[in-house]
């Protein structure tokens, strides 16, 4: 699993982007769909929250990756 921070959310559209902790210069943010969130409520997410996730190839565009099995790990939100 990879860890990262939620960078952008479009709650009205049901998706967002995660900045991986191991991202180097030139690496992009990773797309995630609300259906990939395994704990928490998508509409309650906020930018800056910590998550873990698996990266997989996006079947709609094999040149890109997307997040799967997104888990919210920010302790204050899980209590």
Protein backbone atom coordinates (compact mmCIF):
# COMPACT_ATOMS: atom_id res chain seq x y z
CA UNK A 1 0.00 0.00 0.00
CA UNK A 2 1.02 3.56 -0.65
CA UNK A 3 0.33 6.47 1.66
CA UNK A 4 -0.59 9.97 0.63
CA UNK A 5 -2.64 13.09 1.27
CA UNK A 6 -5.94 14.09 -0.26
CA UNK A 7 -5.16 17.08 -2.45
CA UNK A 8 -8.39 17.86 -4.27
CA UNK A 9 -11.98 16.75 -3.88
CA UNK A 10 -14.99 17.19 -6.15
CA UNK A 11 -17.74 15.94 -3.86
CA UNK A 12 -20.35 17.08 -6.37
CA UNK A 13 -18.77 14.77 -8.98
CA UNK A 14 -17.68 11.93 -6.68
CA UNK A 15 -13.93 11.97 -7.23
CA UNK A 16 -10.68 13.48 -6.03
CA UNK A 17 -6.90 13.34 -6.27
CA UNK A 18 -4.28 12.05 -3.86
CA UNK A 19 -0.68 13.23 -3.67
CA UNK A 20 1.42 10.14 -2.87
CA UNK A 21 4.01 10.59 -0.10
CA UNK A 22 6.65 8.98 -2.33
CA UNK A 23 5.94 11.26 -5.31
CA UNK A 24 9.06 12.65 -6.92
CA UNK A 25 9.27 15.66 -9.15
CA UNK A 26 7.24 15.06 -12.28
CA UNK A 27 5.01 12.39 -10.73
CA UNK A 28 1.39 13.34 -10.87
CA UNK A 29 -1.39 13.10 -8.39
CA UNK A 30 -3.45 9.92 -8.38
CA UNK A 31 -7.15 9.95 -9.29
CA UNK A 32 -9.64 8.23 -6.99
CA UNK A 33 -13.37 7.63 -7.29
CA UNK A 34 -15.71 7.69 -4.30
CA UNK A 35 -16.42 3.97 -4.78
CA UNK A 36 -12.77 3.20 -3.92
CA UNK A 37 -13.13 4.61 -0.38
CA UNK A 38 -13.26 1.70 2.05
CA UNK A 39 -13.90 3.59 5.30
CA UNK A 40 -15.35 7.00 6.03
CA UNK A 41 -17.94 9.00 4.14
CA UNK A 42 -16.83 10.56 0.86
CA UNK A 43 -18.87 13.74 1.33
CA UNK A 44 -17.20 14.31 4.73
CA UNK A 45 -13.62 14.12 3.42
CA UNK A 46 -11.49 17.24 3.42
CA UNK A 47 -8.25 18.14 1.71
CA UNK A 48 -5.11 17.31 3.66
CA UNK A 49 -6.41 14.09 5.19
CA UNK A 50 -4.04 11.14 5.22
CA UNK A 51 -4.92 7.98 3.32
CA UNK A 52 -3.40 4.70 2.23
CA UNK A 53 -4.24 3.15 -1.13
CA UNK A 54 -3.26 0.69 -3.81
CA UNK A 55 -2.28 2.00 -7.22
CA UNK A 56 -3.61 0.27 -10.31
CA UNK A 57 -3.69 0.97 -14.02
CA UNK A 58 -6.73 2.94 -15.13
CA UNK A 59 -8.62 0.66 -17.55
CA UNK A 60 -9.89 3.69 -19.47
CA UNK A 61 -6.37 5.05 -20.03
CA UNK A 62 -3.49 2.57 -19.54
CA UNK A 63 -0.97 5.44 -19.42
CA UNK A 64 -2.47 6.60 -16.11
CA UNK A 65 -2.92 5.09 -12.70
CA UNK A 66 -5.74 5.38 -10.19
CA UNK A 67 -6.18 4.66 -6.52
CA UNK A 68 -8.04 1.59 -5.27
CA UNK A 69 -8.84 0.44 -1.71
CA UNK A 70 -8.52 3.97 -0.31
CA UNK A 71 -8.41 3.92 3.50
CA UNK A 72 -8.71 7.05 5.63
CA UNK A 73 -5.96 7.01 8.30
CA UNK A 74 -6.23 10.47 9.85
CA UNK A 75 -6.71 9.52 13.51
CA UNK A 76 -8.93 12.46 14.44
CA UNK A 77 -11.48 11.45 11.80
CA UNK A 78 -11.65 7.79 12.83
CA UNK A 79 -12.49 8.35 16.49
